C-alpha atoms as a PDB file:
ATOM      1  CA  MET A   1      -9.780   1.084 -13.726  1.00  0.00           C
ATOM      2  CA  ARG A   2      -8.705  -0.175 -10.308  1.00  0.00           C
ATOM      3  CA  TYR A   3     -10.467  -2.985  -8.486  1.00  0.00           C
ATOM      4  CA  PHE A   4     -10.143  -4.329  -4.964  1.00  0.00           C
ATOM      5  CA  ILE A   5     -10.760  -7.996  -4.221  1.00  0.00           C
ATOM      6  CA  GLU A   6     -11.594  -9.268  -0.734  1.00  0.00           C
ATOM      7  CA  LEU A   7     -10.480 -12.826  -0.074  1.00  0.00           C
ATOM      8  CA  SER A   8      -9.490 -15.464   2.432  1.00  0.00           C
ATOM      9  CA  TYR A   9      -7.181 -18.446   2.263  1.00  0.00           C
ATOM     10  CA  LEU A  10      -5.889 -21.428   4.184  1.00  0.00           C
ATOM     11  CA  GLY A  11      -2.126 -21.067   4.233  1.00  0.00           C
ATOM     12  CA  LYS A  12      -1.199 -24.734   4.690  1.00  0.00           C
ATOM     13  CA  ASN A  13      -0.286 -25.403   1.063  1.00  0.00           C
ATOM     14  CA  TYR A  14       1.474 -22.111   0.332  1.00  0.00           C
ATOM     15  CA  HIS A  15       4.882 -20.603   0.970  1.00  0.00           C
ATOM     16  CA  GLY A  16       3.231 -17.368   2.003  1.00  0.00           C
ATOM     17  CA  TRP A  17       1.375 -14.642   0.141  1.00  0.00           C
ATOM     18  CA  GLN A  18       4.168 -13.210  -1.973  1.00  0.00           C
ATOM     19  CA  ILE A  19       5.409 -14.625  -5.266  1.00  0.00           C
ATOM     20  CA  GLN A  20       8.798 -16.314  -4.955  1.00  0.00           C
ATOM     21  CA  PRO A  21      10.902 -18.572  -7.169  1.00  0.00           C
ATOM     22  CA  HIS A  22      10.220 -22.312  -7.109  1.00  0.00           C
ATOM     23  CA  ALA A  23       7.493 -22.082  -4.447  1.00  0.00           C
ATOM     24  CA  ASN A  24       3.712 -21.916  -4.576  1.00  0.00           C
ATOM     25  CA  SER A  25       2.177 -18.670  -3.289  1.00  0.00           C
ATOM     26  CA  VAL A  26      -1.317 -17.252  -2.872  1.00  0.00           C
ATOM     27  CA  GLN A  27      -0.471 -14.190  -4.957  1.00  0.00           C
ATOM     28  CA  GLU A  28       0.731 -16.339  -7.854  1.00  0.00           C
ATOM     29  CA  GLU A  29      -2.434 -18.475  -7.839  1.00  0.00           C
ATOM     30  CA  ILE A  30      -4.666 -15.398  -7.987  1.00  0.00           C
ATOM     31  CA  ASN A  31      -2.524 -13.744 -10.667  1.00  0.00           C
ATOM     32  CA  LYS A  32      -2.839 -16.844 -12.853  1.00  0.00           C
ATOM     33  CA  ALA A  33      -6.590 -17.096 -12.337  1.00  0.00           C
ATOM     34  CA  ILE A  34      -7.331 -13.421 -13.094  1.00  0.00           C
ATOM     35  CA  SER A  35      -4.978 -13.421 -16.082  1.00  0.00           C
ATOM     36  CA  THR A  36      -6.743 -16.493 -17.464  1.00  0.00           C
ATOM     37  CA  ILE A  37     -10.190 -14.908 -17.177  1.00  0.00           C
ATOM     38  CA  LEU A  38      -9.193 -11.489 -18.540  1.00  0.00           C
ATOM     39  CA  ARG A  39      -6.790 -12.894 -21.140  1.00  0.00           C
ATOM     40  CA  THR A  40      -4.077 -10.432 -20.214  1.00  0.00           C
ATOM     41  CA  GLU A  41      -1.256 -10.531 -17.679  1.00  0.00           C
ATOM     42  CA  ILE A  42      -2.416  -9.246 -14.288  1.00  0.00           C
ATOM     43  CA  ASN A  43      -0.260  -8.704 -11.199  1.00  0.00           C
ATOM     44  CA  ILE A  44      -2.167  -8.021  -7.994  1.00  0.00           C
ATOM     45  CA  THR A  45      -0.864  -5.983  -5.063  1.00  0.00           C
ATOM     46  CA  GLY A  46      -1.776  -7.305  -1.619  1.00  0.00           C
ATOM     47  CA  ALA A  47      -2.517  -5.481   1.616  1.00  0.00           C
ATOM     48  CA  GLY A  48       0.567  -7.128   3.065  1.00  0.00           C
ATOM     49  CA  ARG A  49       2.441 -10.391   3.101  1.00  0.00           C
ATOM     50  CA  THR A  50       1.894 -13.455   5.221  1.00  0.00           C
ATOM     51  CA  ASP A  51       4.596 -16.044   5.846  1.00  0.00           C
ATOM     52  CA  ALA A  52       4.506 -19.687   4.808  1.00  0.00           C
ATOM     53  CA  GLY A  53       1.654 -21.543   6.498  1.00  0.00           C
ATOM     54  CA  VAL A  54      -0.097 -18.418   7.827  1.00  0.00           C
ATOM     55  CA  HIS A  55      -3.808 -18.040   7.032  1.00  0.00           C
ATOM     56  CA  ALA A  56      -6.047 -15.066   6.253  1.00  0.00           C
ATOM     57  CA  SER A  57      -9.742 -14.836   6.992  1.00  0.00           C
ATOM     58  CA  GLN A  58      -9.687 -11.360   5.440  1.00  0.00           C
ATOM     59  CA  MET A  59      -7.178 -10.053   2.926  1.00  0.00           C
ATOM     60  CA  PHE A  60      -7.460  -7.388   0.239  1.00  0.00           C
ATOM     61  CA  ALA A  61      -5.577  -6.897  -3.008  1.00  0.00           C
ATOM     62  CA  HIS A  62      -5.895  -4.549  -5.973  1.00  0.00           C
ATOM     63  CA  PHE A  63      -5.281  -4.741  -9.704  1.00  0.00           C
ATOM     64  CA  ASP A  64      -5.821  -2.550 -12.774  1.00  0.00           C
ATOM     65  CA  ILE A  65      -7.715  -3.294 -15.976  1.00  0.00           C
ATOM     66  CA  ASP A  66      -8.630  -1.132 -18.980  1.00  0.00           C
ATOM     67  CA  SER A  67     -12.353  -1.963 -19.166  1.00  0.00           C
ATOM     68  CA  PRO A  68     -15.092  -2.733 -16.594  1.00  0.00           C
ATOM     69  CA  LEU A  69     -15.300  -6.267 -15.236  1.00  0.00           C
ATOM     70  CA  ASN A  70     -18.187  -8.560 -16.064  1.00  0.00           C
ATOM     71  CA  GLU A  71     -20.723  -8.902 -13.223  1.00  0.00           C
ATOM     72  CA  ASN A  72     -19.966 -12.621 -12.879  1.00  0.00           C
ATOM     73  CA  PHE A  73     -16.188 -12.073 -12.613  1.00  0.00           C
ATOM     74  CA  THR A  74     -16.018 -13.128  -8.942  1.00  0.00           C
ATOM     75  CA  TYR A  75     -17.950 -16.328  -9.678  1.00  0.00           C
ATOM     76  CA  LYS A  76     -15.606 -17.212 -12.538  1.00  0.00           C
ATOM     77  CA  LEU A  77     -12.575 -16.465 -10.391  1.00  0.00           C
ATOM     78  CA  ASN A  78     -13.698 -18.816  -7.619  1.00  0.00           C
ATOM     79  CA  ALA A  79     -14.467 -21.500 -10.189  1.00  0.00           C
ATOM     80  CA  ILE A  80     -10.829 -21.802 -11.271  1.00  0.00           C
ATOM     81  CA  LEU A  81      -8.997 -20.973  -8.050  1.00  0.00           C
ATOM     82  CA  PRO A  82      -7.913 -23.763  -5.666  1.00  0.00           C
ATOM     83  CA  ASN A  83     -10.520 -24.555  -3.001  1.00  0.00           C
ATOM     84  CA  ASP A  84      -8.319 -23.132  -0.247  1.00  0.00           C
ATOM     85  CA  ILE A  85      -8.530 -19.609  -1.729  1.00  0.00           C
ATOM     86  CA  VAL A  86     -11.909 -17.836  -1.813  1.00  0.00           C
ATOM     87  CA  ILE A  87     -12.782 -14.448  -3.336  1.00  0.00           C
ATOM     88  CA  TYR A  88     -15.759 -12.765  -1.624  1.00  0.00           C
ATOM     89  CA  ASN A  89     -16.239  -9.676  -3.719  1.00  0.00           C
ATOM     90  CA  THR A  90     -14.685  -7.412  -6.339  1.00  0.00           C
ATOM     91  CA  THR A  91     -15.112  -3.659  -5.878  1.00  0.00           C
ATOM     92  CA  LEU A  92     -14.352  -0.753  -8.209  1.00  0.00           C
ATOM     93  CA  VAL A  93     -12.333   1.889  -6.312  1.00  0.00           C
ATOM     94  CA  HIS A  94     -10.754   5.227  -7.181  1.00  0.00           C
ATOM     95  CA  ASP A  95      -7.628   5.107  -9.319  1.00  0.00           C
ATOM     96  CA  ASP A  96      -5.262   6.029  -6.488  1.00  0.00           C
ATOM     97  CA  ALA A  97      -6.596   3.474  -3.977  1.00  0.00           C
ATOM     98  CA  HIS A  98      -3.856   1.159  -2.712  1.00  0.00           C
ATOM     99  CA  ALA A  99      -4.450  -2.130  -0.930  1.00  0.00           C
ATOM    100  CA  ARG A 100      -1.235  -1.883   1.077  1.00  0.00           C
ATOM    101  CA  PHE A 101      -0.542   1.797   1.677  1.00  0.00           C
ATOM    102  CA  ASP A 102      -4.156   2.853   2.343  1.00  0.00           C
ATOM    103  CA  ALA A 103      -4.776   0.264   5.055  1.00  0.00           C
ATOM    104  CA  VAL A 104      -5.210   2.094   8.369  1.00  0.00           C
ATOM    105  CA  SER A 105      -5.027  -0.972  10.616  1.00  0.00           C
ATOM    106  CA  ARG A 106      -4.559  -4.714  10.575  1.00  0.00           C
ATOM    107  CA  SER A 107      -5.683  -7.385  13.040  1.00  0.00           C
ATOM    108  CA  TYR A 108      -4.402 -10.882  13.729  1.00  0.00           C
ATOM    109  CA  GLU A 109      -5.486 -13.800  15.859  1.00  0.00           C
ATOM    110  CA  TYR A 110      -3.247 -16.573  17.123  1.00  0.00           C
ATOM    111  CA  LYS A 111      -5.063 -19.758  18.113  1.00  0.00           C
ATOM    112  CA  ILE A 112      -3.799 -22.282  20.658  1.00  0.00           C
ATOM    113  CA  ILE A 113      -5.499 -25.485  21.770  1.00  0.00           C
ATOM    114  CA  LEU A 114      -4.633 -26.421  25.355  1.00  0.00           C
ATOM    115  CA  GLY A 115      -4.924 -30.127  24.708  1.00  0.00           C
ATOM    116  CA  ARG A 116      -5.546 -32.083  21.530  1.00  0.00           C
ATOM    117  CA  ASN A 117      -8.068 -31.647  18.729  1.00  0.00           C
ATOM    118  CA  PRO A 118      -7.530 -33.693  15.545  1.00  0.00           C
ATOM    119  CA  PHE A 119      -9.946 -31.507  13.560  1.00  0.00           C
ATOM    120  CA  LEU A 120      -7.919 -28.328  14.116  1.00  0.00           C
ATOM    121  CA  LEU A 121      -4.413 -29.640  13.516  1.00  0.00           C
ATOM    122  CA  ASP A 122      -3.830 -27.375  10.497  1.00  0.00           C
ATOM    123  CA  THR A 123      -5.119 -24.157  12.090  1.00  0.00           C
ATOM    124  CA  THR A 124      -3.990 -24.219  15.735  1.00  0.00           C
ATOM    125  CA  TRP A 125      -0.883 -24.749  17.860  1.00  0.00           C
ATOM    126  CA  GLN A 126      -1.721 -27.618  20.166  1.00  0.00           C
ATOM    127  CA  LEU A 127      -0.116 -27.945  23.594  1.00  0.00           C
ATOM    128  CA  ASN A 128      -0.694 -30.037  26.697  1.00  0.00           C
ATOM    129  CA  TYR A 129      -0.120 -27.110  29.062  1.00  0.00           C
ATOM    130  CA  LYS A 130      -3.002 -26.552  31.479  1.00  0.00           C
ATOM    131  CA  ASP A 131      -1.320 -24.546  34.225  1.00  0.00           C
ATOM    132  CA  ILE A 132      -0.780 -21.238  32.450  1.00  0.00           C
ATOM    133  CA  ASP A 133      -1.394 -17.784  33.920  1.00  0.00           C
ATOM    134  CA  ILE A 134      -3.595 -16.044  31.341  1.00  0.00           C
ATOM    135  CA  GLU A 135      -4.208 -13.063  33.628  1.00  0.00           C
ATOM    136  CA  LEU A 136      -0.466 -12.427  33.791  1.00  0.00           C
ATOM    137  CA  MET A 137      -0.194 -12.803  30.010  1.00  0.00           C
ATOM    138  CA  ASN A 138      -2.847 -10.118  29.613  1.00  0.00           C
ATOM    139  CA  LYS A 139      -0.962  -7.814  31.955  1.00  0.00           C
ATOM    140  CA  ALA A 140       2.141  -8.287  29.814  1.00  0.00           C
ATOM    141  CA  ALA A 141       0.144  -7.743  26.622  1.00  0.00           C
ATOM    142  CA  LYS A 142      -0.979  -4.328  27.881  1.00  0.00           C
ATOM    143  CA  ILE A 143       2.685  -3.300  28.161  1.00  0.00           C
ATOM    144  CA  LEU A 144       2.781  -3.338  24.345  1.00  0.00           C
ATOM    145  CA  TYR A 145       0.637  -0.178  24.375  1.00  0.00           C
ATOM    146  CA  GLU A 146       3.462   1.724  26.042  1.00  0.00           C
ATOM    147  CA  TYR A 147       5.966   1.212  23.235  1.00  0.00           C
ATOM    148  CA  GLU A 148       6.347   1.898  19.518  1.00  0.00           C
ATOM    149  CA  ASP A 149       9.703   0.310  18.644  1.00  0.00           C
ATOM    150  CA  PHE A 150       9.284  -3.456  18.346  1.00  0.00           C
ATOM    151  CA  GLU A 151      12.601  -4.418  16.779  1.00  0.00           C
ATOM    152  CA  CYS A 152      12.946  -7.194  19.375  1.00  0.00           C
ATOM    153  CA  PHE A 153       9.991  -9.012  17.758  1.00  0.00           C
ATOM    154  CA  SER A 154      11.073  -8.475  14.151  1.00  0.00           C
ATOM    155  CA  LYS A 155      12.707 -10.900  11.777  1.00  0.00           C
ATOM    156  CA  VAL A 156      16.405 -10.024  11.856  1.00  0.00           C
ATOM    157  CA  LYS A 157      17.048  -9.677   8.116  1.00  0.00           C
ATOM    158  CA  THR A 158      14.255  -7.435   6.896  1.00  0.00           C
ATOM    159  CA  ASP A 159      14.129  -4.416   4.595  1.00  0.00           C
ATOM    160  CA  VAL A 160      12.027  -1.998   6.675  1.00  0.00           C
ATOM    161  CA  HIS A 161      12.879   1.659   7.288  1.00  0.00           C
ATOM    162  CA  THR A 162      11.419   1.712  10.794  1.00  0.00           C
ATOM    163  CA  PHE A 163      10.469  -0.765  13.507  1.00  0.00           C
ATOM    164  CA  ASN A 164       7.785   1.531  14.892  1.00  0.00           C
ATOM    165  CA  CYS A 165       4.214   0.241  15.177  1.00  0.00           C
ATOM    166  CA  THR A 166       1.224   1.489  17.140  1.00  0.00           C
ATOM    167  CA  VAL A 167      -0.538  -1.393  18.912  1.00  0.00           C
ATOM    168  CA  THR A 168      -4.212  -0.595  19.580  1.00  0.00           C
ATOM    169  CA  ASN A 169      -5.388  -3.944  20.949  1.00  0.00           C
ATOM    170  CA  ALA A 170      -3.616  -6.899  22.555  1.00  0.00           C
ATOM    171  CA  GLU A 171      -5.461  -9.462  24.664  1.00  0.00           C
ATOM    172  CA  TRP A 172      -5.838 -13.147  25.395  1.00  0.00           C
ATOM    173  CA  LYS A 173      -9.201 -14.927  25.679  1.00  0.00           C
ATOM    174  CA  LEU A 174      -9.861 -18.520  26.743  1.00  0.00           C
ATOM    175  CA  VAL A 175     -13.020 -20.292  25.568  1.00  0.00           C
ATOM    176  CA  ASP A 176     -13.179 -23.940  26.662  1.00  0.00           C
ATOM    177  CA  ASP A 177      -9.763 -25.264  25.602  1.00  0.00           C
ATOM    178  CA  GLU A 178      -9.094 -22.688  22.858  1.00  0.00           C
ATOM    179  CA  LEU A 179      -6.786 -19.848  23.855  1.00  0.00           C
ATOM    180  CA  THR A 180      -6.689 -16.963  21.354  1.00  0.00           C
ATOM    181  CA  PHE A 181      -4.443 -13.920  21.221  1.00  0.00           C
ATOM    182  CA  TYR A 182      -6.027 -10.874  19.541  1.00  0.00           C
ATOM    183  CA  VAL A 183      -3.780  -8.073  18.355  1.00  0.00           C
ATOM    184  CA  SER A 184      -4.335  -4.965  16.199  1.00  0.00           C
ATOM    185  CA  ALA A 185      -1.935  -2.274  15.024  1.00  0.00           C
ATOM    186  CA  ASN A 186      -1.427   0.233  12.260  1.00  0.00           C
ATOM    187  CA  ARG A 187       1.301  -2.025  10.848  1.00  0.00           C
ATOM    188  CA  PHE A 188       3.228  -5.174  11.734  1.00  0.00           C
ATOM    189  CA  LEU A 189       6.819  -6.256  11.246  1.00  0.00           C
ATOM    190  CA  ARG A 190       7.743  -9.574   9.682  1.00  0.00           C
ATOM    191  CA  ASN A 191       7.276 -12.412  12.184  1.00  0.00           C
ATOM    192  CA  MET A 192       6.166  -9.879  14.837  1.00  0.00           C
ATOM    193  CA  VAL A 193       2.956 -11.557  16.022  1.00  0.00           C
ATOM    194  CA  ARG A 194       4.485 -15.023  16.285  1.00  0.00           C
ATOM    195  CA  ALA A 195       7.434 -13.621  18.287  1.00  0.00           C
ATOM    196  CA  ILE A 196       5.106 -11.689  20.609  1.00  0.00           C
ATOM    197  CA  VAL A 197       3.018 -14.819  21.226  1.00  0.00           C
ATOM    198  CA  GLY A 198       6.110 -16.885  22.006  1.00  0.00           C
ATOM    199  CA  THR A 199       7.359 -14.261  24.459  1.00  0.00           C
ATOM    200  CA  LEU A 200       3.965 -13.796  26.148  1.00  0.00           C
ATOM    201  CA  PHE A 201       3.611 -17.551  26.484  1.00  0.00           C
ATOM    202  CA  ASN A 202       6.854 -17.586  28.465  1.00  0.00           C
ATOM    203  CA  VAL A 203       5.258 -15.016  30.777  1.00  0.00           C
ATOM    204  CA  GLY A 204       2.259 -17.299  31.271  1.00  0.00           C
ATOM    205  CA  LEU A 205       4.530 -20.231  32.091  1.00  0.00           C
ATOM    206  CA  GLY A 206       6.429 -18.183  34.693  1.00  0.00           C
ATOM    207  CA  LYS A 207       9.650 -18.178  32.671  1.00  0.00           C
ATOM    208  CA  THR A 208       9.560 -14.420  32.022  1.00  0.00           C
ATOM    209  CA  SER A 209       8.437 -11.746  34.498  1.00  0.00           C
ATOM    210  CA  LEU A 210       6.600  -8.547  33.573  1.00  0.00           C
ATOM    211  CA  GLU A 211       9.775  -6.583  34.238  1.00  0.00           C
ATOM    212  CA  GLU A 212      11.748  -8.911  31.984  1.00  0.00           C
ATOM    213  CA  PHE A 213       9.099  -8.595  29.263  1.00  0.00           C
ATOM    214  CA  ARG A 214       9.476  -4.836  29.386  1.00  0.00           C
ATOM    215  CA  SER A 215      13.288  -5.087  29.248  1.00  0.00           C
ATOM    216  CA  ILE A 216      13.041  -7.402  26.218  1.00  0.00           C
ATOM    217  CA  ILE A 217      11.143  -4.706  24.298  1.00  0.00           C
ATOM    218  CA  GLU A 218      13.608  -2.030  25.368  1.00  0.00           C
ATOM    219  CA  SER A 219      16.584  -4.179  24.350  1.00  0.00           C
ATOM    220  CA  LYS A 220      15.536  -4.113  20.660  1.00  0.00           C
ATOM    221  CA  ASN A 221      17.276  -7.489  20.454  1.00  0.00           C
ATOM    222  CA  ARG A 222      15.425 -10.379  18.779  1.00  0.00           C
ATOM    223  CA  SER A 223      17.590 -12.975  20.537  1.00  0.00           C
ATOM    224  CA  LYS A 224      16.228 -11.889  23.930  1.00  0.00           C
ATOM    225  CA  ALA A 225      12.572 -12.455  22.965  1.00  0.00           C
ATOM    226  CA  GLY A 226      10.781 -15.796  22.892  1.00  0.00           C
ATOM    227  CA  VAL A 227      10.660 -18.317  20.065  1.00  0.00           C
ATOM    228  CA  SER A 228       8.589 -17.744  16.962  1.00  0.00           C
ATOM    229  CA  VAL A 229       5.536 -19.965  17.450  1.00  0.00           C
ATOM    230  CA  PRO A 230       4.297 -22.207  14.581  1.00  0.00           C
ATOM    231  CA  ALA A 231       2.756 -20.405  11.606  1.00  0.00           C
ATOM    232  CA  LYS A 232      -0.338 -22.619  11.408  1.00  0.00           C
ATOM    233  CA  GLY A 233      -2.013 -20.938  14.404  1.00  0.00           C
ATOM    234  CA  LEU A 234      -1.831 -17.426  12.925  1.00  0.00           C
ATOM    235  CA  PHE A 235      -4.671 -15.705  11.037  1.00  0.00           C
ATOM    236  CA  LEU A 236      -4.810 -12.271   9.446  1.00  0.00           C
ATOM    237  CA  THR A 237      -8.407 -11.425  10.384  1.00  0.00           C
ATOM    238  CA  GLU A 238      -9.030  -7.825   9.338  1.00  0.00           C
ATOM    239  CA  VAL A 239      -7.570  -5.130   7.118  1.00  0.00           C
ATOM    240  CA  ALA A 240      -9.321  -1.774   7.586  1.00  0.00           C
ATOM    241  CA  TYR A 241      -9.662   1.138   5.170  1.00  0.00           C
ATOM    242  CA  THR A 242     -11.468   4.450   5.426  1.00  0.00           C
ATOM    243  CA  TYR A 243     -13.323   3.879   2.150  1.00  0.00           C
ATOM    244  CA  ILE A 244     -14.342   0.189   2.381  1.00  0.00           C
END
C-alpha cells in the first residue's frame, strides 16, 4: 500500500532534504520517525530535493507499507518529529503514484527584506537597498517565459539529462518592505531559483540590462549569471499533482 504525506519544514537546522553522510537531513528525520512507529525500516521518496537551509511550506513524499495505517498515524508522527518538521496529512494513493515523477508543477518563493527585521532573520535575505527598480526586474522575469534551456542558472556539477524547464510564472511583488519573487515551472534545476534571483537583482540595481539578461540565458554559462543568493530566503511553496 502506498501513502503520500504532505509536510512542511524550516530548513535552518538541516543540510537539505536528501539523506547524506554525516549530516542531518529532513528525509532522514522522517524515515526514523516512521520506522519507529511502524517498527520496520521505511525509506520515503520526496517530491524533490531542497538544498541546505532552504525551507518548504509544502512538500510531499511517499512510502510503502504492507498493511493499512492507523487513523492516528499522523498525530503519532508529529509527536516524535522535531518541531521544525510538521506532517499535515497522510493519504492512501494508487500503487503507481510517485511523489517526484507525478508532480506536474512546482512553485517557489524567495523572500527579501529591504531593511532589517530581527524576527525574520532565519527566513529572509535582508538588505539595506531601497533604490531598486522592481518594474525592470519584472520585465526581465518575463524573459524567462521565452526560453527552456536554463543551464546558466544550474549548479555546475549536477547529474541531470536535460537543462530544459518550462517556466509558467515569474514575478516580483513588494508589500511594505518585503520583496518576494514568485516562480513556477514544471521542474527546476539545482540552485536554479537562487541563481535567477541573484541575476534579476543585478537587473534591479542597474548592473545588468535586459539585453544582457537575455544573453546570459543564451550563453548557457553559469559564470555569466549572478551570484546564488542565500538559501534562508527560499521556500518551496507548492507541489501540484493531478490526483491530489
